[in-house]
C-alpha atoms as a PDB file:
ATOM      1  CA  MET A   1     159.892 134.902 124.279  1.00  0.00           C
ATOM      2  CA  LYS A   2     161.847 134.171 121.142  1.00  0.00           C
ATOM      3  CA  PRO A   3     160.968 136.227 118.044  1.00  0.00           C
ATOM      4  CA  GLU A   4     159.824 133.096 116.229  1.00  0.00           C
ATOM      5  CA  ASP A   5     157.498 132.240 119.139  1.00  0.00           C
ATOM      6  CA  ARG A   6     155.960 135.704 119.116  1.00  0.00           C
ATOM      7  CA  ASP A   7     155.476 135.493 115.356  1.00  0.00           C
ATOM      8  CA  LEU A   8     153.797 132.096 115.670  1.00  0.00           C
ATOM      9  CA  VAL A   9     151.320 133.397 118.257  1.00  0.00           C
ATOM     10  CA  ALA A  10     150.469 136.350 116.004  1.00  0.00           C
ATOM     11  CA  GLN A  11     149.960 134.044 113.026  1.00  0.00           C
ATOM     12  CA  LEU A  12     147.717 131.659 114.961  1.00  0.00           C
ATOM     13  CA  CYS A  13     145.581 134.497 116.306  1.00  0.00           C
ATOM     14  CA  ALA A  14     145.121 136.016 112.862  1.00  0.00           C
ATOM     15  CA  ALA A  15     144.226 132.685 111.292  1.00  0.00           C
ATOM     16  CA  ARG A  16     141.892 131.375 114.003  1.00  0.00           C
ATOM     17  CA  SER A  17     140.062 134.491 115.171  1.00  0.00           C
ATOM     18  CA  GLY A  18     141.191 137.406 113.035  1.00  0.00           C
ATOM     19  CA  GLN A  19     143.012 139.049 115.945  1.00  0.00           C
ATOM     20  CA  LYS A  20     145.707 141.596 115.248  1.00  0.00           C
ATOM     21  CA  VAL A  21     148.561 140.761 117.628  1.00  0.00           C
ATOM     22  CA  ASP A  22     151.757 142.810 117.597  1.00  0.00           C
ATOM     23  CA  PRO A  23     154.696 140.389 118.018  1.00  0.00           C
ATOM     24  CA  ALA A  24     156.791 143.254 119.377  1.00  0.00           C
ATOM     25  CA  LYS A  25     154.660 143.563 122.523  1.00  0.00           C
ATOM     26  CA  ASP A  26     156.650 141.207 124.727  1.00  0.00           C
ATOM     27  CA  TYR A  27     154.972 142.229 127.962  1.00  0.00           C
ATOM     28  CA  LEU A  28     151.433 141.691 126.660  1.00  0.00           C
ATOM     29  CA  LEU A  29     152.287 138.294 125.212  1.00  0.00           C
ATOM     30  CA  GLU A  30     153.997 137.114 128.382  1.00  0.00           C
ATOM     31  CA  THR A  31     151.224 138.449 130.634  1.00  0.00           C
ATOM     32  CA  ARG A  32     148.536 136.640 128.651  1.00  0.00           C
ATOM     33  CA  LEU A  33     150.425 133.405 128.003  1.00  0.00           C
ATOM     34  CA  GLY A  34     152.027 132.915 131.427  1.00  0.00           C
ATOM     35  CA  PRO A  35     148.742 131.710 133.002  1.00  0.00           C
ATOM     36  CA  VAL A  36     148.131 129.423 130.012  1.00  0.00           C
ATOM     37  CA  ALA A  37     151.534 127.786 130.470  1.00  0.00           C
ATOM     38  CA  ARG A  38     150.893 127.177 134.177  1.00  0.00           C
ATOM     39  CA  ARG A  39     147.359 125.917 133.598  1.00  0.00           C
ATOM     40  CA  GLU A  40     148.546 123.496 130.916  1.00  0.00           C
ATOM     41  CA  GLY A  41     151.347 122.119 133.100  1.00  0.00           C
ATOM     42  CA  PHE A  42     154.366 123.792 131.461  1.00  0.00           C
ATOM     43  CA  ASP A  43     157.231 125.289 133.465  1.00  0.00           C
ATOM     44  CA  SER A  44     157.541 128.329 131.207  1.00  0.00           C
ATOM     45  CA  ILE A  45     156.126 130.055 128.147  1.00  0.00           C
ATOM     46  CA  SER A  46     159.112 128.730 126.216  1.00  0.00           C
ATOM     47  CA  ASP A  47     158.101 125.172 127.168  1.00  0.00           C
ATOM     48  CA  LEU A  48     154.518 125.985 126.183  1.00  0.00           C
ATOM     49  CA  MET A  49     155.616 127.049 122.706  1.00  0.00           C
ATOM     50  CA  THR A  50     157.811 123.975 122.359  1.00  0.00           C
ATOM     51  CA  GLY A  51     154.850 121.825 123.351  1.00  0.00           C
ATOM     52  CA  LEU A  52     152.670 123.640 120.839  1.00  0.00           C
ATOM     53  CA  ARG A  53     155.088 122.944 117.998  1.00  0.00           C
ATOM     54  CA  THR A  54     155.549 119.339 119.087  1.00  0.00           C
ATOM     55  CA  ARG A  55     151.920 118.424 119.703  1.00  0.00           C
ATOM     56  CA  ARG A  56     150.018 120.777 117.401  1.00  0.00           C
ATOM     57  CA  GLU A  57     146.971 120.076 119.546  1.00  0.00           C
ATOM     58  CA  ASP A  58     143.895 122.041 118.556  1.00  0.00           C
ATOM     59  CA  ARG A  59     142.917 122.472 122.188  1.00  0.00           C
ATOM     60  CA  LEU A  60     146.282 124.036 123.035  1.00  0.00           C
ATOM     61  CA  ILE A  61     146.149 126.340 120.029  1.00  0.00           C
ATOM     62  CA  TRP A  62     142.733 127.614 121.089  1.00  0.00           C
ATOM     63  CA  ALA A  63     143.908 128.110 124.677  1.00  0.00           C
ATOM     64  CA  ILE A  64     146.586 130.470 123.356  1.00  0.00           C
ATOM     65  CA  VAL A  65     144.276 132.260 120.917  1.00  0.00           C
ATOM     66  CA  GLU A  66     141.558 132.731 123.533  1.00  0.00           C
ATOM     67  CA  ALA A  67     144.060 134.103 126.057  1.00  0.00           C
ATOM     68  CA  MET A  68     145.255 136.687 123.555  1.00  0.00           C
ATOM     69  CA  ALA A  69     141.648 137.669 122.772  1.00  0.00           C
ATOM     70  CA  ALA A  70     140.891 138.746 126.339  1.00  0.00           C
ATOM     71  CA  GLY A  71     139.864 142.397 126.438  1.00  0.00           C
ATOM     72  CA  ASP A  72     139.113 145.026 129.034  1.00  0.00           C
ATOM     73  CA  THR A  73     135.459 145.443 129.964  1.00  0.00           C
ATOM     74  CA  SER A  74     133.295 147.036 132.629  1.00  0.00           C
ATOM     75  CA  PHE A  75     129.658 147.606 133.497  1.00  0.00           C
ATOM     76  CA  PHE A  76     127.943 150.327 131.427  1.00  0.00           C
ATOM     77  CA  ARG A  77     131.158 151.001 129.530  1.00  0.00           C
ATOM     78  CA  ASP A  78     130.677 154.170 127.459  1.00  0.00           C
ATOM     79  CA  GLN A  79     127.523 155.363 129.193  1.00  0.00           C
ATOM     80  CA  SER A  80     126.258 157.190 126.095  1.00  0.00           C
ATOM     81  CA  ALA A  81     125.606 153.866 124.340  1.00  0.00           C
ATOM     82  CA  PHE A  82     123.441 152.619 127.190  1.00  0.00           C
ATOM     83  CA  ASP A  83     121.657 155.961 127.514  1.00  0.00           C
ATOM     84  CA  HIS A  84     120.756 155.788 123.818  1.00  0.00           C
ATOM     85  CA  PHE A  85     119.536 152.244 124.242  1.00  0.00           C
ATOM     86  CA  ARG A  86     117.344 153.180 127.206  1.00  0.00           C
ATOM     87  CA  ASN A  87     116.002 156.450 125.805  1.00  0.00           C
ATOM     88  CA  VAL A  88     115.712 155.740 122.079  1.00  0.00           C
ATOM     89  CA  LEU A  89     116.412 152.216 120.840  1.00  0.00           C
ATOM     90  CA  ALA A  90     114.436 150.242 123.427  1.00  0.00           C
ATOM     91  CA  PRO A  91     111.283 152.383 123.069  1.00  0.00           C
ATOM     92  CA  GLU A  92     111.500 152.208 119.270  1.00  0.00           C
ATOM     93  CA  LEU A  93     111.946 148.443 119.321  1.00  0.00           C
ATOM     94  CA  ALA A  94     109.109 147.961 121.820  1.00  0.00           C
ATOM     95  CA  ASP A  95     106.804 149.963 119.575  1.00  0.00           C
ATOM     96  CA  ARG A  96     107.921 148.393 116.299  1.00  0.00           C
ATOM     97  CA  ARG A  97     108.136 144.753 117.328  1.00  0.00           C
ATOM     98  CA  ARG A  98     104.949 144.781 119.461  1.00  0.00           C
ATOM     99  CA  ASP A  99     103.869 141.132 119.696  1.00  0.00           C
ATOM    100  CA  GLN A 100     107.230 139.771 118.469  1.00  0.00           C
ATOM    101  CA  PRO A 101     110.279 139.169 120.665  1.00  0.00           C
ATOM    102  CA  ILE A 102     112.982 141.841 120.650  1.00  0.00           C
ATOM    103  CA  ARG A 103     116.260 139.977 120.225  1.00  0.00           C
ATOM    104  CA  ILE A 104     119.461 141.655 121.432  1.00  0.00           C
ATOM    105  CA  TRP A 105     122.919 140.109 121.117  1.00  0.00           C
ATOM    106  CA  SER A 106     126.154 141.075 122.832  1.00  0.00           C
ATOM    107  CA  ALA A 107     128.795 139.705 120.453  1.00  0.00           C
ATOM    108  CA  ALA A 108     132.223 139.171 122.039  1.00  0.00           C
ATOM    109  CA  CYS A 109     130.640 139.680 125.460  1.00  0.00           C
ATOM    110  CA  GLY A 110     133.787 138.739 127.371  1.00  0.00           C
ATOM    111  CA  THR A 111     133.086 138.182 131.050  1.00  0.00           C
ATOM    112  CA  GLY A 112     129.524 139.440 130.694  1.00  0.00           C
ATOM    113  CA  GLN A 113     129.458 142.996 132.008  1.00  0.00           C
ATOM    114  CA  GLU A 114     127.931 144.404 128.817  1.00  0.00           C
ATOM    115  CA  ILE A 115     125.067 141.937 128.439  1.00  0.00           C
ATOM    116  CA  HIS A 116     124.379 142.051 132.185  1.00  0.00           C
ATOM    117  CA  SER A 117     124.216 145.852 131.948  1.00  0.00           C
ATOM    118  CA  LEU A 118     121.609 145.491 129.203  1.00  0.00           C
ATOM    119  CA  ALA A 119     119.704 142.933 131.267  1.00  0.00           C
ATOM    120  CA  MET A 120     119.567 145.372 134.186  1.00  0.00           C
ATOM    121  CA  LEU A 121     118.239 148.145 131.957  1.00  0.00           C
ATOM    122  CA  VAL A 122     115.602 145.877 130.431  1.00  0.00           C
ATOM    123  CA  ASP A 123     114.496 144.777 133.883  1.00  0.00           C
ATOM    124  CA  ASP A 124     114.357 148.364 135.144  1.00  0.00           C
ATOM    125  CA  MET A 125     112.190 149.367 132.141  1.00  0.00           C
ATOM    126  CA  ALA A 126     109.863 146.376 132.273  1.00  0.00           C
ATOM    127  CA  GLY A 127     106.906 148.382 133.554  1.00  0.00           C
ATOM    128  CA  GLN A 128     107.029 150.807 130.621  1.00  0.00           C
ATOM    129  CA  TRP A 129     106.140 148.150 128.044  1.00  0.00           C
ATOM    130  CA  PRO A 130     104.427 145.267 129.855  1.00  0.00           C
ATOM    131  CA  ASP A 131     103.789 143.421 126.594  1.00  0.00           C
ATOM    132  CA  ALA A 132     107.330 143.728 125.210  1.00  0.00           C
ATOM    133  CA  ARG A 133     109.445 140.563 125.242  1.00  0.00           C
ATOM    134  CA  PHE A 134     113.184 141.131 125.265  1.00  0.00           C
ATOM    135  CA  GLU A 135     115.414 138.139 124.514  1.00  0.00           C
ATOM    136  CA  LEU A 136     119.083 138.597 125.410  1.00  0.00           C
ATOM    137  CA  PHE A 137     122.035 136.661 124.031  1.00  0.00           C
ATOM    138  CA  GLY A 138     125.746 136.714 124.885  1.00  0.00           C
ATOM    139  CA  SER A 139     128.562 135.094 122.928  1.00  0.00           C
ATOM    140  CA  ASP A 140     132.327 135.016 123.082  1.00  0.00           C
ATOM    141  CA  LEU A 141     135.268 133.155 121.635  1.00  0.00           C
ATOM    142  CA  SER A 142     136.622 132.265 125.068  1.00  0.00           C
ATOM    143  CA  GLU A 143     135.075 129.412 127.037  1.00  0.00           C
ATOM    144  CA  ARG A 144     136.692 130.688 130.251  1.00  0.00           C
ATOM    145  CA  ALA A 145     135.215 134.160 129.758  1.00  0.00           C
ATOM    146  CA  LEU A 146     131.786 132.660 129.090  1.00  0.00           C
ATOM    147  CA  GLU A 147     131.994 130.537 132.236  1.00  0.00           C
ATOM    148  CA  LYS A 148     132.574 133.660 134.316  1.00  0.00           C
ATOM    149  CA  ALA A 149     129.836 135.540 132.472  1.00  0.00           C
ATOM    150  CA  GLN A 150     127.333 132.756 133.086  1.00  0.00           C
ATOM    151  CA  SER A 151     128.229 132.608 136.772  1.00  0.00           C
ATOM    152  CA  GLY A 152     127.399 136.295 137.186  1.00  0.00           C
ATOM    153  CA  LEU A 153     130.016 136.420 139.942  1.00  0.00           C
ATOM    154  CA  TYR A 154     132.176 139.540 140.199  1.00  0.00           C
ATOM    155  CA  THR A 155     134.775 140.985 142.552  1.00  0.00           C
ATOM    156  CA  GLN A 156     134.398 144.226 144.477  1.00  0.00           C
ATOM    157  CA  PHE A 157     136.796 145.840 142.013  1.00  0.00           C
ATOM    158  CA  GLU A 158     134.722 144.695 139.035  1.00  0.00           C
ATOM    159  CA  VAL A 159     131.398 145.985 140.358  1.00  0.00           C
ATOM    160  CA  GLN A 160     133.004 149.312 141.245  1.00  0.00           C
ATOM    161  CA  ARG A 161     133.888 149.837 137.577  1.00  0.00           C
ATOM    162  CA  GLY A 162     130.869 151.589 136.079  1.00  0.00           C
ATOM    163  CA  LEU A 163     128.093 149.974 138.097  1.00  0.00           C
ATOM    164  CA  PRO A 164     125.800 152.525 139.822  1.00  0.00           C
ATOM    165  CA  ILE A 165     125.189 151.778 143.484  1.00  0.00           C
ATOM    166  CA  ARG A 166     121.424 151.588 142.891  1.00  0.00           C
ATOM    167  CA  SER A 167     121.968 148.841 140.301  1.00  0.00           C
ATOM    168  CA  LEU A 168     124.297 146.984 142.654  1.00  0.00           C
ATOM    169  CA  VAL A 169     121.708 147.068 145.448  1.00  0.00           C
ATOM    170  CA  ARG A 170     118.791 146.157 143.175  1.00  0.00           C
ATOM    171  CA  HIS A 171     120.349 143.420 141.076  1.00  0.00           C
ATOM    172  CA  PHE A 172     123.211 141.870 143.088  1.00  0.00           C
ATOM    173  CA  GLU A 173     123.681 139.843 146.247  1.00  0.00           C
ATOM    174  CA  LYS A 174     126.845 139.853 148.358  1.00  0.00           C
ATOM    175  CA  ILE A 175     128.457 136.438 148.863  1.00  0.00           C
ATOM    176  CA  ASP A 176     131.535 136.608 151.075  1.00  0.00           C
ATOM    177  CA  ASP A 177     133.813 139.087 149.285  1.00  0.00           C
ATOM    178  CA  MET A 178     132.109 138.657 145.884  1.00  0.00           C
ATOM    179  CA  TRP A 179     128.938 139.947 144.262  1.00  0.00           C
ATOM    180  CA  VAL A 180     126.567 137.749 142.222  1.00  0.00           C
ATOM    181  CA  ILE A 181     123.904 139.063 139.870  1.00  0.00           C
ATOM    182  CA  SER A 182     120.335 137.935 140.522  1.00  0.00           C
ATOM    183  CA  PRO A 183     119.244 134.489 139.243  1.00  0.00           C
ATOM    184  CA  GLN A 184     116.399 136.177 137.368  1.00  0.00           C
ATOM    185  CA  LEU A 185     118.808 138.151 135.194  1.00  0.00           C
ATOM    186  CA  ARG A 186     121.275 135.292 134.747  1.00  0.00           C
ATOM    187  CA  GLN A 187     118.463 133.050 133.533  1.00  0.00           C
ATOM    188  CA  ALA A 188     117.228 135.722 131.118  1.00  0.00           C
ATOM    189  CA  ILE A 189     120.412 135.477 129.022  1.00  0.00           C
ATOM    190  CA  ARG A 190     121.295 132.705 126.581  1.00  0.00           C
ATOM    191  CA  TRP A 191     124.985 131.996 126.114  1.00  0.00           C
ATOM    192  CA  ARG A 192     126.994 130.517 123.276  1.00  0.00           C
ATOM    193  CA  ARG A 193     130.651 130.146 122.311  1.00  0.00           C
ATOM    194  CA  LEU A 194     131.003 131.752 118.887  1.00  0.00           C
ATOM    195  CA  ASN A 195     133.836 132.757 116.584  1.00  0.00           C
ATOM    196  CA  LEU A 196     132.765 135.914 114.739  1.00  0.00           C
ATOM    197  CA  ILE A 197     134.810 135.031 111.656  1.00  0.00           C
ATOM    198  CA  GLY A 198     133.531 131.443 111.625  1.00  0.00           C
ATOM    199  CA  ASP A 199     130.413 129.934 110.122  1.00  0.00           C
ATOM    200  CA  MET A 200     127.517 132.078 111.339  1.00  0.00           C
ATOM    201  CA  SER A 201     124.961 130.951 108.777  1.00  0.00           C
ATOM    202  CA  ARG A 202     122.600 129.812 111.533  1.00  0.00           C
ATOM    203  CA  VAL A 203     122.932 133.005 113.574  1.00  0.00           C
ATOM    204  CA  ARG A 204     119.954 135.075 112.494  1.00  0.00           C
ATOM    205  CA  GLY A 205     116.999 137.159 113.613  1.00  0.00           C
ATOM    206  CA  PHE A 206     118.481 139.945 115.768  1.00  0.00           C
ATOM    207  CA  ASP A 207     117.092 143.445 116.157  1.00  0.00           C
ATOM    208  CA  LEU A 208     120.131 144.968 117.862  1.00  0.00           C
ATOM    209  CA  ILE A 209     123.714 143.750 118.117  1.00  0.00           C
ATOM    210  CA  PHE A 210     126.364 145.193 120.432  1.00  0.00           C
ATOM    211  CA  CYS A 211     129.839 144.507 119.014  1.00  0.00           C
ATOM    212  CA  ARG A 212     131.912 147.250 120.572  1.00  0.00           C
ATOM    213  CA  ASN A 213     135.683 147.542 120.630  1.00  0.00           C
ATOM    214  CA  VAL A 214     136.110 144.281 118.740  1.00  0.00           C
ATOM    215  CA  ILE A 215     136.802 144.910 115.057  1.00  0.00           C
ATOM    216  CA  GLY A 216     139.398 147.566 115.845  1.00  0.00           C
ATOM    217  CA  ALA A 217     141.616 144.796 117.219  1.00  0.00           C
ATOM    218  CA  MET A 218     141.275 142.659 114.079  1.00  0.00           C
ATOM    219  CA  ILE A 219     143.165 142.358 110.806  1.00  0.00           C
ATOM    220  CA  GLU A 220     141.379 143.992 107.881  1.00  0.00           C
ATOM    221  CA  PRO A 221     140.017 140.852 106.150  1.00  0.00           C
ATOM    222  CA  ALA A 222     138.548 139.692 109.474  1.00  0.00           C
ATOM    223  CA  GLN A 223     136.941 143.099 110.018  1.00  0.00           C
ATOM    224  CA  ARG A 224     135.117 142.785 106.709  1.00  0.00           C
ATOM    225  CA  GLN A 225     134.030 139.237 107.514  1.00  0.00           C
ATOM    226  CA  VAL A 226     132.635 140.232 110.901  1.00  0.00           C
ATOM    227  CA  VAL A 227     130.685 143.152 109.424  1.00  0.00           C
ATOM    228  CA  GLU A 228     129.199 140.880 106.763  1.00  0.00           C
ATOM    229  CA  ASN A 229     128.310 138.228 109.347  1.00  0.00           C
ATOM    230  CA  LEU A 230     126.681 140.699 111.716  1.00  0.00           C
ATOM    231  CA  ALA A 231     124.709 142.373 108.936  1.00  0.00           C
ATOM    232  CA  ALA A 232     123.402 138.996 107.802  1.00  0.00           C
ATOM    233  CA  ALA A 233     122.285 138.240 111.362  1.00  0.00           C
ATOM    234  CA  LEU A 234     120.011 141.305 111.536  1.00  0.00           C
ATOM    235  CA  ASN A 235     116.277 141.440 111.075  1.00  0.00           C
ATOM    236  CA  PRO A 236     115.064 144.055 108.572  1.00  0.00           C
ATOM    237  CA  GLY A 237     115.465 147.424 110.286  1.00  0.00           C
ATOM    238  CA  GLY A 238     118.038 146.019 112.686  1.00  0.00           C
ATOM    239  CA  MET A 239     121.121 147.867 113.909  1.00  0.00           C
ATOM    240  CA  VAL A 240     124.657 147.167 115.120  1.00  0.00           C
ATOM    241  CA  LEU A 241     126.428 149.251 117.746  1.00  0.00           C
ATOM    242  CA  PHE A 242     130.210 149.266 117.302  1.00  0.00           C
ATOM    243  CA  GLY A 243     132.763 151.134 119.382  1.00  0.00           C
ATOM    244  CA  ALA A 244     132.548 154.909 119.103  1.00  0.00           C
ATOM    245  CA  ASP A 245     135.923 155.122 117.345  1.00  0.00           C
ATOM    246  CA  GLU A 246     135.532 152.084 115.087  1.00  0.00           C
ATOM    247  CA  ASP A 247     134.911 152.308 111.345  1.00  0.00           C
ATOM    248  CA  PRO A 248     133.089 149.124 110.324  1.00  0.00           C
ATOM    249  CA  VAL A 249     132.343 150.103 106.729  1.00  0.00           C
ATOM    250  CA  ALA A 250     135.875 150.597 105.474  1.00  0.00           C
ATOM    251  CA  GLY A 251     135.844 148.075 102.655  1.00  0.00           C
ATOM    252  CA  ALA A 252     132.494 146.537 103.617  1.00  0.00           C
ATOM    253  CA  GLU A 253     129.196 147.802 102.287  1.00  0.00           C
ATOM    254  CA  PRO A 254     126.189 146.260 104.072  1.00  0.00           C
ATOM    255  CA  LEU A 255     125.970 148.888 106.835  1.00  0.00           C
ATOM    256  CA  SER A 256     125.657 152.659 106.942  1.00  0.00           C
ATOM    257  CA  PRO A 257     125.910 155.109 109.877  1.00  0.00           C
ATOM    258  CA  ALA A 258     122.710 155.786 111.808  1.00  0.00           C
ATOM    259  CA  GLU A 259     121.859 158.860 113.844  1.00  0.00           C
ATOM    260  CA  GLY A 260     121.832 159.012 117.600  1.00  0.00           C
ATOM    261  CA  VAL A 261     125.138 157.844 119.006  1.00  0.00           C
ATOM    262  CA  ALA A 262     128.661 157.252 117.705  1.00  0.00           C
ATOM    263  CA  GLY A 263     129.194 153.722 116.412  1.00  0.00           C
ATOM    264  CA  LEU A 264     125.549 152.978 115.546  1.00  0.00           C
ATOM    265  CA  TYR A 265     124.993 151.432 112.107  1.00  0.00           C
ATOM    266  CA  ALA A 266     121.954 150.157 110.231  1.00  0.00           C
ATOM    267  CA  LEU A 267     121.530 147.941 107.194  1.00  0.00           C
ATOM    268  CA  ARG A 268     122.253 150.026 104.116  1.00  0.00           C
ATOM    269  CA  ASN A 269     119.008 148.821 102.620  1.00  0.00           C
ATOM    270  CA  ALA A 270     116.492 149.007 105.447  1.00  0.00           C
ATOM    271  CA  ASP A 271     114.273 146.464 103.716  1.00  0.00           C
ATOM    272  CA  ARG A 272     117.020 143.879 103.218  1.00  0.00           C
ATOM    273  CA  ALA A 273     115.894 140.567 104.656  1.00  0.00           C
ATOM    274  CA  ALA A 274     118.265 138.521 106.733  1.00  0.00           C
ATOM    275  CA  ALA A 275     119.898 136.083 104.370  1.00  0.00           C
END
């Protein structure tokens, strides 16, 4: 790729989704954009970039931005976060919310392994709190990632990454050389395409938000915007779980660290109502 093409991709990603893309990483850019070029009918990435400059089509811009946003994910990634959810957060929420739904959101859910992991845990714990009502939500910037997440269809390699064999047997069915998660769990999750730095004024009422390993890959102004948006989406007493190594309050004040597991944050004012 030409330097000016790499710079353009980085600029588009920063402007559209807040992504921090290093123009010097030739291999990453070519790996992500090669499939886009082929899918869009171009002979090469160079032709793709020429077409982008010529057409300036919004659809093509988003195809590039979404491809660069793709991240690595796996079932039960960072087991300590899911252990804390099962042992501490879920019981606390079940006790506190009682006759109200417990709303949990996996922001930037990618191809769905995180929210499906949560769905499996909720299903496994159902007998502990028969009156508790968990509502699960998954969102991502990428339409292609959401399509895969909604299908619940995974390869042998994907289910081998982090998924305990007992969960595979209990919650999945083998179809040819693929594995599909049970219809019950797929239907328990609501899906939505969402840009975390976009207008989220109607995204409200969550008790727990998973947004792990997302803001660390963003430019600083976008990080602040995402933190503000997520904080505004919380119910009073709600929490956000970021990646263990992420610092979401550098330059943003609505959240403060909470005890229990690395990356867990609560509203700085516990009584603050969702705006």
